[in-house]
Amino acid sequence: MPFNMSIANGFRNIWTVSDIQKSVLTSVVVSPSGHWLTSASAGSDLLFIDFHSGSVVGTVNLEGQFNVTVSVWRSDTLLYVGCSDGSTFQISVNYSPAVSQPVQIVHIC
C-alpha cells in the first residue's frame, strides 16, 4: 500500500506514492461508492487510486498549466475538476479491463 506513517520535519506523512505524486496535494476526494480515490497535486497531476487496495489505476496530467483546486465526483464514472485559472474539466472514467483509454477529459470552459 502507498500509505506510510513516518515523521518528517515535525509533520506526519500519511500519503506517499513514490515517483508519481510528489507535489503538494490540492484536492483529495472519494467516489460515491467509496471505491475510487482521486488526488490532485500542485504539479497538475490527477491520481486515480483503488481505495480498497491502494493500487494506482491511472494518472492524468493537465499539462502543468494550472492547479486543480476542487474535485467533485458526480458518479463513480464522472468527475468534475476546477482549476486555479478558472478552467473546468469533466473527466469520464472507465476502469474496465477491456477499455484501452480508461480516462477521457472534456474541457468545459
PDB file of N, CA and C in Angstrom:
ATOM      1  N   MET A   1       0.838  -1.188   0.000  1.00  0.00           N
ATOM      2  CA  MET A   1       0.000   0.000   0.000  1.00  0.00           C
ATOM      3  C   MET A   1       0.876   1.241   0.000  1.00  0.00           C
ATOM      4  N   PRO A   2       0.389   2.328  -0.584  1.00  0.00           N
ATOM      5  CA  PRO A   2       1.212   3.522  -0.688  1.00  0.00           C
ATOM      6  C   PRO A   2       1.201   4.383   0.563  1.00  0.00           C
ATOM      7  N   PHE A   3       0.548   3.958   1.622  1.00  0.00           N
ATOM      8  CA  PHE A   3       0.431   4.801   2.806  1.00  0.00           C
ATOM      9  C   PHE A   3       1.593   4.532   3.750  1.00  0.00           C
ATOM     10  N   ASN A   4       2.086   5.588   4.378  1.00  0.00           N
ATOM     11  CA  ASN A   4       3.212   5.430   5.282  1.00  0.00           C
ATOM     12  C   ASN A   4       3.061   6.445   6.400  1.00  0.00           C
ATOM     13  N   MET A   5       3.544   6.099   7.582  1.00  0.00           N
ATOM     14  CA  MET A   5       3.324   6.952   8.753  1.00  0.00           C
ATOM     15  C   MET A   5       4.625   7.499   9.325  1.00  0.00           C
ATOM     16  N   SER A   6       5.626   7.749   8.500  1.00  0.00           N
ATOM     17  CA  SER A   6       6.886   8.275   9.016  1.00  0.00           C
ATOM     18  C   SER A   6       6.737   9.749   9.404  1.00  0.00           C
ATOM     19  N   ILE A   7       7.622  10.212  10.280  1.00  0.00           N
ATOM     20  CA  ILE A   7       7.613  11.605  10.722  1.00  0.00           C
ATOM     21  C   ILE A   7       8.689  12.353   9.941  1.00  0.00           C
ATOM     22  N   ALA A   8       8.330  13.466   9.317  1.00  0.00           N
ATOM     23  CA  ALA A   8       9.290  14.271   8.560  1.00  0.00           C
ATOM     24  C   ALA A   8       9.086  15.739   8.900  1.00  0.00           C
ATOM     25  N   ASN A   9      10.118  16.382   9.396  1.00  0.00           N
ATOM     26  CA  ASN A   9      10.065  17.813   9.719  1.00  0.00           C
ATOM     27  C   ASN A   9       8.907  18.176  10.650  1.00  0.00           C
ATOM     28  N   GLY A  10       8.597  17.316  11.597  1.00  0.00           N
ATOM     29  CA  GLY A  10       7.551  17.610  12.562  1.00  0.00           C
ATOM     30  C   GLY A  10       6.142  17.318  12.085  1.00  0.00           C
ATOM     31  N   PHE A  11       5.975  16.907  10.820  1.00  0.00           N
ATOM     32  CA  PHE A  11       4.657  16.583  10.297  1.00  0.00           C
ATOM     33  C   PHE A  11       4.557  15.084  10.088  1.00  0.00           C
ATOM     34  N   ARG A  12       3.366  14.549  10.235  1.00  0.00           N
ATOM     35  CA  ARG A  12       3.150  13.132   9.949  1.00  0.00           C
ATOM     36  C   ARG A  12       2.884  12.978   8.468  1.00  0.00           C
ATOM     37  N   ASN A  13       3.665  12.177   7.816  1.00  0.00           N
ATOM     38  CA  ASN A  13       3.495  11.914   6.396  1.00  0.00           C
ATOM     39  C   ASN A  13       2.566  10.713   6.255  1.00  0.00           C
ATOM     40  N   ILE A  14       1.330  10.957   5.860  1.00  0.00           N
ATOM     41  CA  ILE A  14       0.384   9.847   5.739  1.00  0.00           C
ATOM     42  C   ILE A  14       0.062   9.531   4.286  1.00  0.00           C
ATOM     43  N   TRP A  15       0.694  10.221   3.351  1.00  0.00           N
ATOM     44  CA  TRP A  15       0.389   9.984   1.941  1.00  0.00           C
ATOM     45  C   TRP A  15       1.672  10.021   1.142  1.00  0.00           C
ATOM     46  N   THR A  16       2.077   8.898   0.622  1.00  0.00           N
ATOM     47  CA  THR A  16       3.249   8.839  -0.235  1.00  0.00           C
ATOM     48  C   THR A  16       2.971   7.863  -1.364  1.00  0.00           C
ATOM     49  N   VAL A  17       3.085   8.317  -2.578  1.00  0.00           N
ATOM     50  CA  VAL A  17       3.039   7.449  -3.735  1.00  0.00           C
ATOM     51  C   VAL A  17       4.346   7.714  -4.471  1.00  0.00           C
ATOM     52  N   SER A  18       5.308   6.864  -4.237  1.00  0.00           N
ATOM     53  CA  SER A  18       6.668   7.073  -4.731  1.00  0.00           C
ATOM     54  C   SER A  18       6.709   7.291  -6.233  1.00  0.00           C
ATOM     55  N   ASP A  19       7.453   8.297  -6.637  1.00  0.00           N
ATOM     56  CA  ASP A  19       7.731   8.608  -8.039  1.00  0.00           C
ATOM     57  C   ASP A  19       6.497   8.947  -8.874  1.00  0.00           C
ATOM     58  N   ILE A  20       5.359   9.175  -8.257  1.00  0.00           N
ATOM     59  CA  ILE A  20       4.178   9.533  -9.036  1.00  0.00           C
ATOM     60  C   ILE A  20       3.673  10.912  -8.657  1.00  0.00           C
ATOM     61  N   GLN A  21       3.391  11.123  -7.401  1.00  0.00           N
ATOM     62  CA  GLN A  21       2.803  12.394  -6.981  1.00  0.00           C
ATOM     63  C   GLN A  21       3.591  12.932  -5.796  1.00  0.00           C
ATOM     64  N   LYS A  22       4.443  13.914  -6.067  1.00  0.00           N
ATOM     65  CA  LYS A  22       5.331  14.434  -5.035  1.00  0.00           C
ATOM     66  C   LYS A  22       5.012  15.872  -4.652  1.00  0.00           C
ATOM     67  N   SER A  23       4.202  16.566  -5.428  1.00  0.00           N
ATOM     68  CA  SER A  23       3.864  17.958  -5.131  1.00  0.00           C
ATOM     69  C   SER A  23       2.830  18.035  -4.015  1.00  0.00           C
ATOM     70  N   VAL A  24       2.587  19.231  -3.539  1.00  0.00           N
ATOM     71  CA  VAL A  24       1.578  19.473  -2.505  1.00  0.00           C
ATOM     72  C   VAL A  24       0.207  19.057  -3.029  1.00  0.00           C
ATOM     73  N   LEU A  25      -0.545  18.311  -2.217  1.00  0.00           N
ATOM     74  CA  LEU A  25      -1.899  17.919  -2.609  1.00  0.00           C
ATOM     75  C   LEU A  25      -2.825  19.120  -2.519  1.00  0.00           C
ATOM     76  N   THR A  26      -3.644  19.299  -3.544  1.00  0.00           N
ATOM     77  CA  THR A  26      -4.588  20.414  -3.569  1.00  0.00           C
ATOM     78  C   THR A  26      -6.032  19.954  -3.471  1.00  0.00           C
ATOM     79  N   SER A  27      -6.281  18.669  -3.714  1.00  0.00           N
ATOM     80  CA  SER A  27      -7.635  18.134  -3.617  1.00  0.00           C
ATOM     81  C   SER A  27      -7.556  16.621  -3.453  1.00  0.00           C
ATOM     82  N   VAL A  28      -8.365  16.083  -2.547  1.00  0.00           N
ATOM     83  CA  VAL A  28      -8.492  14.635  -2.364  1.00  0.00           C
ATOM     84  C   VAL A  28      -9.974  14.347  -2.198  1.00  0.00           C
ATOM     85  N   VAL A  29     -10.499  13.412  -2.994  1.00  0.00           N
ATOM     86  CA  VAL A  29     -11.931  13.121  -2.933  1.00  0.00           C
ATOM     87  C   VAL A  29     -12.163  11.632  -3.203  1.00  0.00           C
ATOM     88  N   VAL A  30     -13.143  11.060  -2.508  1.00  0.00           N
ATOM     89  CA  VAL A  30     -13.521   9.658  -2.661  1.00  0.00           C
ATOM     90  C   VAL A  30     -14.817   9.595  -3.463  1.00  0.00           C
ATOM     91  N   SER A  31     -14.906   8.634  -4.380  1.00  0.00           N
ATOM     92  CA  SER A  31     -16.102   8.481  -5.211  1.00  0.00           C
ATOM     93  C   SER A  31     -17.310   8.098  -4.358  1.00  0.00           C
ATOM     94  N   PRO A  32     -18.533   8.281  -4.884  1.00  0.00           N
ATOM     95  CA  PRO A  32     -19.747   7.990  -4.109  1.00  0.00           C
ATOM     96  C   PRO A  32     -19.822   6.562  -3.563  1.00  0.00           C
ATOM     97  N   SER A  33     -19.308   5.585  -4.302  1.00  0.00           N
ATOM     98  CA  SER A  33     -19.359   4.197  -3.828  1.00  0.00           C
ATOM     99  C   SER A  33     -18.255   3.888  -2.822  1.00  0.00           C
ATOM    100  N   GLY A  34     -17.275   4.787  -2.714  1.00  0.00           N
ATOM    101  CA  GLY A  34     -16.146   4.538  -1.839  1.00  0.00           C
ATOM    102  C   GLY A  34     -15.077   3.673  -2.475  1.00  0.00           C
ATOM    103  N   HIS A  35     -15.218   3.384  -3.774  1.00  0.00           N
ATOM    104  CA  HIS A  35     -14.255   2.519  -4.450  1.00  0.00           C
ATOM    105  C   HIS A  35     -13.029   3.272  -4.962  1.00  0.00           C
ATOM    106  N   TRP A  36     -13.209   4.498  -5.447  1.00  0.00           N
ATOM    107  CA  TRP A  36     -12.111   5.262  -6.048  1.00  0.00           C
ATOM    108  C   TRP A  36     -11.733   6.449  -5.188  1.00  0.00           C
ATOM    109  N   LEU A  37     -10.452   6.746  -5.156  1.00  0.00           N
ATOM    110  CA  LEU A  37      -9.943   7.952  -4.526  1.00  0.00           C
ATOM    111  C   LEU A  37      -9.173   8.712  -5.597  1.00  0.00           C
ATOM    112  N   THR A  38      -9.406  10.003  -5.677  1.00  0.00           N
ATOM    113  CA  THR A  38      -8.669  10.840  -6.615  1.00  0.00           C
ATOM    114  C   THR A  38      -7.947  11.914  -5.834  1.00  0.00           C
ATOM    115  N   SER A  39      -6.666  12.091  -6.126  1.00  0.00           N
ATOM    116  CA  SER A  39      -5.920  13.183  -5.511  1.00  0.00           C
ATOM    117  C   SER A  39      -5.346  14.053  -6.616  1.00  0.00           C
ATOM    118  N   ALA A  40      -5.319  15.350  -6.357  1.00  0.00           N
ATOM    119  CA  ALA A  40      -4.741  16.314  -7.296  1.00  0.00           C
ATOM    120  C   ALA A  40      -3.586  16.998  -6.594  1.00  0.00           C
ATOM    121  N   SER A  41      -2.578  17.356  -7.371  1.00  0.00           N
ATOM    122  CA  SER A  41      -1.404  17.988  -6.775  1.00  0.00           C
ATOM    123  C   SER A  41      -1.078  19.303  -7.465  1.00  0.00           C
ATOM    124  N   ALA A  42      -0.215  20.067  -6.821  1.00  0.00           N
ATOM    125  CA  ALA A  42       0.216  21.353  -7.367  1.00  0.00           C
ATOM    126  C   ALA A  42       0.935  21.178  -8.701  1.00  0.00           C
ATOM    127  N   GLY A  43       1.380  19.998  -9.008  1.00  0.00           N
ATOM    128  CA  GLY A  43       2.029  19.730 -10.284  1.00  0.00           C
ATOM    129  C   GLY A  43       1.059  19.439 -11.405  1.00  0.00           C
ATOM    130  N   SER A  44      -0.237  19.689 -11.213  1.00  0.00           N
ATOM    131  CA  SER A  44      -1.299  19.475 -12.202  1.00  0.00           C
ATOM    132  C   SER A  44      -1.564  18.011 -12.498  1.00  0.00           C
ATOM    133  N   ASP A  45      -1.171  17.128 -11.596  1.00  0.00           N
ATOM    134  CA  ASP A  45      -1.420  15.703 -11.769  1.00  0.00           C
ATOM    135  C   ASP A  45      -2.668  15.277 -11.014  1.00  0.00           C
ATOM    136  N   LEU A  46      -3.483  14.450 -11.664  1.00  0.00           N
ATOM    137  CA  LEU A  46      -4.594  13.768 -11.005  1.00  0.00           C
ATOM    138  C   LEU A  46      -4.207  12.304 -10.901  1.00  0.00           C
ATOM    139  N   LEU A  47      -4.382  11.744  -9.735  1.00  0.00           N
ATOM    140  CA  LEU A  47      -4.024  10.357  -9.485  1.00  0.00           C
ATOM    141  C   LEU A  47      -5.297   9.602  -9.123  1.00  0.00           C
ATOM    142  N   PHE A  48      -5.553   8.489  -9.802  1.00  0.00           N
ATOM    143  CA  PHE A  48      -6.727   7.659  -9.546  1.00  0.00           C
ATOM    144  C   PHE A  48      -6.268   6.388  -8.846  1.00  0.00           C
ATOM    145  N   ILE A  49      -6.871   6.113  -7.688  1.00  0.00           N
ATOM    146  CA  ILE A  49      -6.437   5.009  -6.834  1.00  0.00           C
ATOM    147  C   ILE A  49      -7.632   4.142  -6.464  1.00  0.00           C
ATOM    148  N   ASP A  50      -7.432   2.822  -6.497  1.00  0.00           N
ATOM    149  CA  ASP A  50      -8.421   1.900  -5.951  1.00  0.00           C
ATOM    150  C   ASP A  50      -8.334   2.053  -4.438  1.00  0.00           C
ATOM    151  N   PHE A  51      -9.372   2.601  -3.825  1.00  0.00           N
ATOM    152  CA  PHE A  51      -9.340   2.961  -2.410  1.00  0.00           C
ATOM    153  C   PHE A  51      -9.142   1.754  -1.505  1.00  0.00           C
ATOM    154  N   HIS A  52      -9.645   0.597  -1.917  1.00  0.00           N
ATOM    155  CA  HIS A  52      -9.571  -0.596  -1.077  1.00  0.00           C
ATOM    156  C   HIS A  52      -8.197  -1.261  -1.119  1.00  0.00           C
ATOM    157  N   SER A  53      -7.582  -1.311  -2.298  1.00  0.00           N
ATOM    158  CA  SER A  53      -6.283  -1.979  -2.418  1.00  0.00           C
ATOM    159  C   SER A  53      -5.108  -1.015  -2.298  1.00  0.00           C
ATOM    160  N   GLY A  54      -5.358   0.279  -2.540  1.00  0.00           N
ATOM    161  CA  GLY A  54      -4.276   1.260  -2.537  1.00  0.00           C
ATOM    162  C   GLY A  54      -3.509   1.300  -3.844  1.00  0.00           C
ATOM    163  N   SER A  55      -3.961   0.544  -4.847  1.00  0.00           N
ATOM    164  CA  SER A  55      -3.273   0.482  -6.138  1.00  0.00           C
ATOM    165  C   SER A  55      -3.585   1.702  -6.991  1.00  0.00           C
ATOM    166  N   VAL A  56      -2.557   2.244  -7.612  1.00  0.00           N
ATOM    167  CA  VAL A  56      -2.745   3.335  -8.566  1.00  0.00           C
ATOM    168  C   VAL A  56      -3.280   2.720  -9.848  1.00  0.00           C
ATOM    169  N   VAL A  57      -4.430   3.210 -10.331  1.00  0.00           N
ATOM    170  CA  VAL A  57      -5.027   2.662 -11.540  1.00  0.00           C
ATOM    171  C   VAL A  57      -4.931   3.616 -12.722  1.00  0.00           C
ATOM    172  N   GLY A  58      -4.551   4.853 -12.486  1.00  0.00           N
ATOM    173  CA  GLY A  58      -4.398   5.792 -13.589  1.00  0.00           C
ATOM    174  C   GLY A  58      -3.918   7.147 -13.125  1.00  0.00           C
ATOM    175  N   THR A  59      -3.300   7.867 -14.044  1.00  0.00           N
ATOM    176  CA  THR A  59      -2.875   9.239 -13.778  1.00  0.00           C
ATOM    177  C   THR A  59      -3.242  10.106 -14.969  1.00  0.00           C
ATOM    178  N   VAL A  60      -3.493  11.370 -14.691  1.00  0.00           N
ATOM    179  CA  VAL A  60      -3.769  12.350 -15.740  1.00  0.00           C
ATOM    180  C   VAL A  60      -2.965  13.590 -15.407  1.00  0.00           C
ATOM    181  N   ASN A  61      -2.282  14.142 -16.412  1.00  0.00           N
ATOM    182  CA  ASN A  61      -1.579  15.402 -16.214  1.00  0.00           C
ATOM    183  C   ASN A  61      -2.276  16.459 -17.051  1.00  0.00           C
ATOM    184  N   LEU A  62      -2.685  17.537 -16.404  1.00  0.00           N
ATOM    185  CA  LEU A  62      -3.358  18.630 -17.111  1.00  0.00           C
ATOM    186  C   LEU A  62      -2.333  19.640 -17.631  1.00  0.00           C
ATOM    187  N   GLU A  63      -1.204  19.124 -18.070  1.00  0.00           N
ATOM    188  CA  GLU A  63      -0.166  19.850 -18.797  1.00  0.00           C
ATOM    189  C   GLU A  63       0.529  20.934 -18.002  1.00  0.00           C
ATOM    190  N   GLY A  64       0.500  20.846 -16.682  1.00  0.00           N
ATOM    191  CA  GLY A  64       1.286  21.727 -15.843  1.00  0.00           C
ATOM    192  C   GLY A  64       0.960  23.204 -15.916  1.00  0.00           C
ATOM    193  N   GLN A  65      -0.181  23.557 -16.473  1.00  0.00           N
ATOM    194  CA  GLN A  65      -0.502  24.966 -16.652  1.00  0.00           C
ATOM    195  C   GLN A  65      -1.244  25.562 -15.465  1.00  0.00           C
ATOM    196  N   PHE A  66      -1.853  24.734 -14.651  1.00  0.00           N
ATOM    197  CA  PHE A  66      -2.652  25.238 -13.539  1.00  0.00           C
ATOM    198  C   PHE A  66      -2.865  24.141 -12.517  1.00  0.00           C
ATOM    199  N   ASN A  67      -3.279  24.509 -11.340  1.00  0.00           N
ATOM    200  CA  ASN A  67      -3.530  23.556 -10.259  1.00  0.00           C
ATOM    201  C   ASN A  67      -5.008  23.223 -10.170  1.00  0.00           C
ATOM    202  N   VAL A  68      -5.304  21.955  -9.932  1.00  0.00           N
ATOM    203  CA  VAL A  68      -6.674  21.551  -9.624  1.00  0.00           C
ATOM    204  C   VAL A  68      -6.942  21.986  -8.190  1.00  0.00           C
ATOM    205  N   THR A  69      -7.982  22.767  -7.989  1.00  0.00           N
ATOM    206  CA  THR A  69      -8.286  23.255  -6.644  1.00  0.00           C
ATOM    207  C   THR A  69      -9.525  22.611  -6.048  1.00  0.00           C
ATOM    208  N   VAL A  70     -10.366  22.015  -6.889  1.00  0.00           N
ATOM    209  CA  VAL A  70     -11.563  21.341  -6.380  1.00  0.00           C
ATOM    210  C   VAL A  70     -11.892  20.163  -7.294  1.00  0.00           C
ATOM    211  N   SER A  71     -12.325  19.059  -6.694  1.00  0.00           N
ATOM    212  CA  SER A  71     -12.741  17.867  -7.437  1.00  0.00           C
ATOM    213  C   SER A  71     -14.051  17.376  -6.845  1.00  0.00           C
ATOM    214  N   VAL A  72     -14.986  17.014  -7.714  1.00  0.00           N
ATOM    215  CA  VAL A  72     -16.285  16.511  -7.262  1.00  0.00           C
ATOM    216  C   VAL A  72     -16.667  15.317  -8.124  1.00  0.00           C
ATOM    217  N   TRP A  73     -16.876  14.170  -7.484  1.00  0.00           N
ATOM    218  CA  TRP A  73     -17.389  13.004  -8.197  1.00  0.00           C
ATOM    219  C   TRP A  73     -18.892  13.173  -8.368  1.00  0.00           C
ATOM    220  N   ARG A  74     -19.396  13.093  -9.598  1.00  0.00           N
ATOM    221  CA  ARG A  74     -20.835  13.123  -9.870  1.00  0.00           C
ATOM    222  C   ARG A  74     -21.405  11.712  -9.762  1.00  0.00           C
ATOM    223  N   SER A  75     -20.602  10.743 -10.156  1.00  0.00           N
ATOM    224  CA  SER A  75     -20.924   9.318 -10.048  1.00  0.00           C
ATOM    225  C   SER A  75     -19.585   8.590  -9.996  1.00  0.00           C
ATOM    226  N   ASP A  76     -19.595   7.275  -9.988  1.00  0.00           N
ATOM    227  CA  ASP A  76     -18.324   6.550  -9.965  1.00  0.00           C
ATOM    228  C   ASP A  76     -17.573   6.625 -11.289  1.00  0.00           C
ATOM    229  N   THR A  77     -18.196   7.163 -12.326  1.00  0.00           N
ATOM    230  CA  THR A  77     -17.537   7.254 -13.632  1.00  0.00           C
ATOM    231  C   THR A  77     -17.394   8.683 -14.140  1.00  0.00           C
ATOM    232  N   LEU A  78     -17.837   9.666 -13.375  1.00  0.00           N
ATOM    233  CA  LEU A  78     -17.801  11.051 -13.843  1.00  0.00           C
ATOM    234  C   LEU A  78     -17.275  11.973 -12.747  1.00  0.00           C
ATOM    235  N   LEU A  79     -16.165  12.631 -13.040  1.00  0.00           N
ATOM    236  CA  LEU A  79     -15.502  13.525 -12.101  1.00  0.00           C
ATOM    237  C   LEU A  79     -15.419  14.909 -12.727  1.00  0.00           C
ATOM    238  N   TYR A  80     -15.716  15.934 -11.950  1.00  0.00           N
ATOM    239  CA  TYR A  80     -15.541  17.318 -12.390  1.00  0.00           C
ATOM    240  C   TYR A  80     -14.411  17.926 -11.583  1.00  0.00           C
ATOM    241  N   VAL A  81     -13.533  18.679 -12.260  1.00  0.00           N
ATOM    242  CA  VAL A  81     -12.451  19.365 -11.560  1.00  0.00           C
ATOM    243  C   VAL A  81     -12.443  20.835 -11.949  1.00  0.00           C
ATOM    244  N   GLY A  82     -12.154  21.668 -10.972  1.00  0.00           N
ATOM    245  CA  GLY A  82     -11.998  23.101 -11.196  1.00  0.00           C
ATOM    246  C   GLY A  82     -10.552  23.472 -10.941  1.00  0.00           C
ATOM    247  N   CYS A  83     -10.029  24.381 -11.745  1.00  0.00           N
ATOM    248  CA  CYS A  83      -8.608  24.720 -11.688  1.00  0.00           C
ATOM    249  C   CYS A  83      -8.393  26.172 -11.287  1.00  0.00           C
ATOM    250  N   SER A  84      -7.184  26.459 -10.844  1.00  0.00           N
ATOM    251  CA  SER A  84      -6.854  27.789 -10.334  1.00  0.00           C
ATOM    252  C   SER A  84      -6.951  28.878 -11.393  1.00  0.00           C
ATOM    253  N   ASP A  85      -6.934  28.514 -12.676  1.00  0.00           N
ATOM    254  CA  ASP A  85      -7.065  29.521 -13.729  1.00  0.00           C
ATOM    255  C   ASP A  85      -8.518  29.723 -14.153  1.00  0.00           C
ATOM    256  N   GLY A  86      -9.460  29.075 -13.462  1.00  0.00           N
ATOM    257  CA  GLY A  86     -10.879  29.196 -13.771  1.00  0.00           C
ATOM    258  C   GLY A  86     -11.397  28.129 -14.722  1.00  0.00           C
ATOM    259  N   SER A  87     -10.529  27.288 -15.267  1.00  0.00           N
ATOM    260  CA  SER A  87     -10.951  26.220 -16.172  1.00  0.00           C
ATOM    261  C   SER A  87     -11.701  25.137 -15.409  1.00  0.00           C
ATOM    262  N   THR A  88     -12.636  24.505 -16.105  1.00  0.00           N
ATOM    263  CA  THR A  88     -13.387  23.383 -15.550  1.00  0.00           C
ATOM    264  C   THR A  88     -13.288  22.217 -16.525  1.00  0.00           C
ATOM    265  N   PHE A  89     -13.085  21.020 -15.997  1.00  0.00           N
ATOM    266  CA  PHE A  89     -12.979  19.825 -16.829  1.00  0.00           C
ATOM    267  C   PHE A  89     -13.943  18.762 -16.329  1.00  0.00           C
ATOM    268  N   GLN A  90     -14.504  18.014 -17.282  1.00  0.00           N
ATOM    269  CA  GLN A  90     -15.292  16.826 -16.979  1.00  0.00           C
ATOM    270  C   GLN A  90     -14.405  15.642 -17.340  1.00  0.00           C
ATOM    271  N   ILE A  91     -14.242  14.724 -16.433  1.00  0.00           N
ATOM    272  CA  ILE A  91     -13.382  13.570 -16.668  1.00  0.00           C
ATOM    273  C   ILE A  91     -14.220  12.307 -16.549  1.00  0.00           C
ATOM    274  N   SER A  92     -14.303  11.554 -17.659  1.00  0.00           N
ATOM    275  CA  SER A  92     -15.016  10.282 -17.674  1.00  0.00           C
ATOM    276  C   SER A  92     -14.024   9.174 -17.373  1.00  0.00           C
ATOM    277  N   VAL A  93     -14.400   8.284 -16.477  1.00  0.00           N
ATOM    278  CA  VAL A  93     -13.505   7.229 -16.027  1.00  0.00           C
ATOM    279  C   VAL A  93     -14.178   5.880 -16.229  1.00  0.00           C
ATOM    280  N   ASN A  94     -13.463   4.938 -16.860  1.00  0.00           N
ATOM    281  CA  ASN A  94     -13.963   3.582 -17.034  1.00  0.00           C
ATOM    282  C   ASN A  94     -12.786   2.638 -16.851  1.00  0.00           C
ATOM    283  N   TYR A  95     -12.758   1.903 -15.757  1.00  0.00           N
ATOM    284  CA  TYR A  95     -11.630   1.034 -15.455  1.00  0.00           C
ATOM    285  C   TYR A  95     -11.872  -0.411 -15.847  1.00  0.00           C
ATOM    286  N   SER A  96     -12.771  -0.642 -16.784  1.00  0.00           N
ATOM    287  CA  SER A  96     -12.986  -1.989 -17.289  1.00  0.00           C
ATOM    288  C   SER A  96     -11.708  -2.467 -17.982  1.00  0.00           C
ATOM    289  N   PRO A  97     -11.309  -3.721 -17.774  1.00  0.00           N
ATOM    290  CA  PRO A  97     -10.081  -4.225 -18.412  1.00  0.00           C
ATOM    291  C   PRO A  97     -10.112  -4.151 -19.937  1.00  0.00           C
ATOM    292  N   ALA A  98     -11.299  -4.133 -20.535  1.00  0.00           N
ATOM    293  CA  ALA A  98     -11.409  -4.115 -21.994  1.00  0.00           C
ATOM    294  C   ALA A  98     -11.205  -2.725 -22.593  1.00  0.00           C
ATOM    295  N   VAL A  99     -11.135  -1.700 -21.766  1.00  0.00           N
ATOM    296  CA  VAL A  99     -11.041  -0.329 -22.262  1.00  0.00           C
ATOM    297  C   VAL A  99      -9.576   0.067 -22.418  1.00  0.00           C
ATOM    298  N   SER A 100      -9.216   0.566 -23.614  1.00  0.00           N
ATOM    299  CA  SER A 100      -7.818   0.935 -23.850  1.00  0.00           C
ATOM    300  C   SER A 100      -7.469   2.305 -23.274  1.00  0.00           C
ATOM    301  N   GLN A 101      -8.418   3.233 -23.246  1.00  0.00           N
ATOM    302  CA  GLN A 101      -8.197   4.548 -22.650  1.00  0.00           C
ATOM    303  C   GLN A 101      -9.204   4.750 -21.528  1.00  0.00           C
ATOM    304  N   PRO A 102      -8.813   4.435 -20.281  1.00  0.00           N
ATOM    305  CA  PRO A 102      -9.769   4.465 -19.173  1.00  0.00           C
ATOM    306  C   PRO A 102     -10.205   5.864 -18.748  1.00  0.00           C
ATOM    307  N   VAL A 103      -9.440   6.897 -19.117  1.00  0.00           N
ATOM    308  CA  VAL A 103      -9.773   8.252 -18.694  1.00  0.00           C
ATOM    309  C   VAL A 103      -9.888   9.147 -19.915  1.00  0.00           C
ATOM    310  N   GLN A 104     -11.027   9.840 -20.043  1.00  0.00           N
ATOM    311  CA  GLN A 104     -11.222  10.803 -21.126  1.00  0.00           C
ATOM    312  C   GLN A 104     -11.567  12.147 -20.522  1.00  0.00           C
ATOM    313  N   ILE A 105     -10.940  13.209 -21.038  1.00  0.00           N
ATOM    314  CA  ILE A 105     -11.109  14.550 -20.488  1.00  0.00           C
ATOM    315  C   ILE A 105     -11.854  15.426 -21.486  1.00  0.00           C
ATOM    316  N   VAL A 106     -12.841  16.168 -20.986  1.00  0.00           N
ATOM    317  CA  VAL A 106     -13.562  17.152 -21.788  1.00  0.00           C
ATOM    318  C   VAL A 106     -13.383  18.503 -21.116  1.00  0.00           C
ATOM    319  N   HIS A 107     -12.856  19.483 -21.855  1.00  0.00           N
ATOM    320  CA  HIS A 107     -12.694  20.841 -21.319  1.00  0.00           C
ATOM    321  C   HIS A 107     -14.039  21.542 -21.427  1.00  0.00           C
ATOM    322  N   ILE A 108     -14.602  21.945 -20.295  1.00  0.00           N
ATOM    323  CA  ILE A 108     -15.923  22.576 -20.284  1.00  0.00           C
ATOM    324  C   ILE A 108     -15.818  24.066 -20.542  1.00  0.00           C
ATOM    325  N   CYS A 109     -14.996  24.751 -19.783  1.00  0.00           N
ATOM    326  CA  CYS A 109     -14.819  26.191 -20.011  1.00  0.00           C
ATOM    327  C   CYS A 109     -13.534  26.664 -19.377  1.00  0.00           C
TER     328      CYS A 109
END
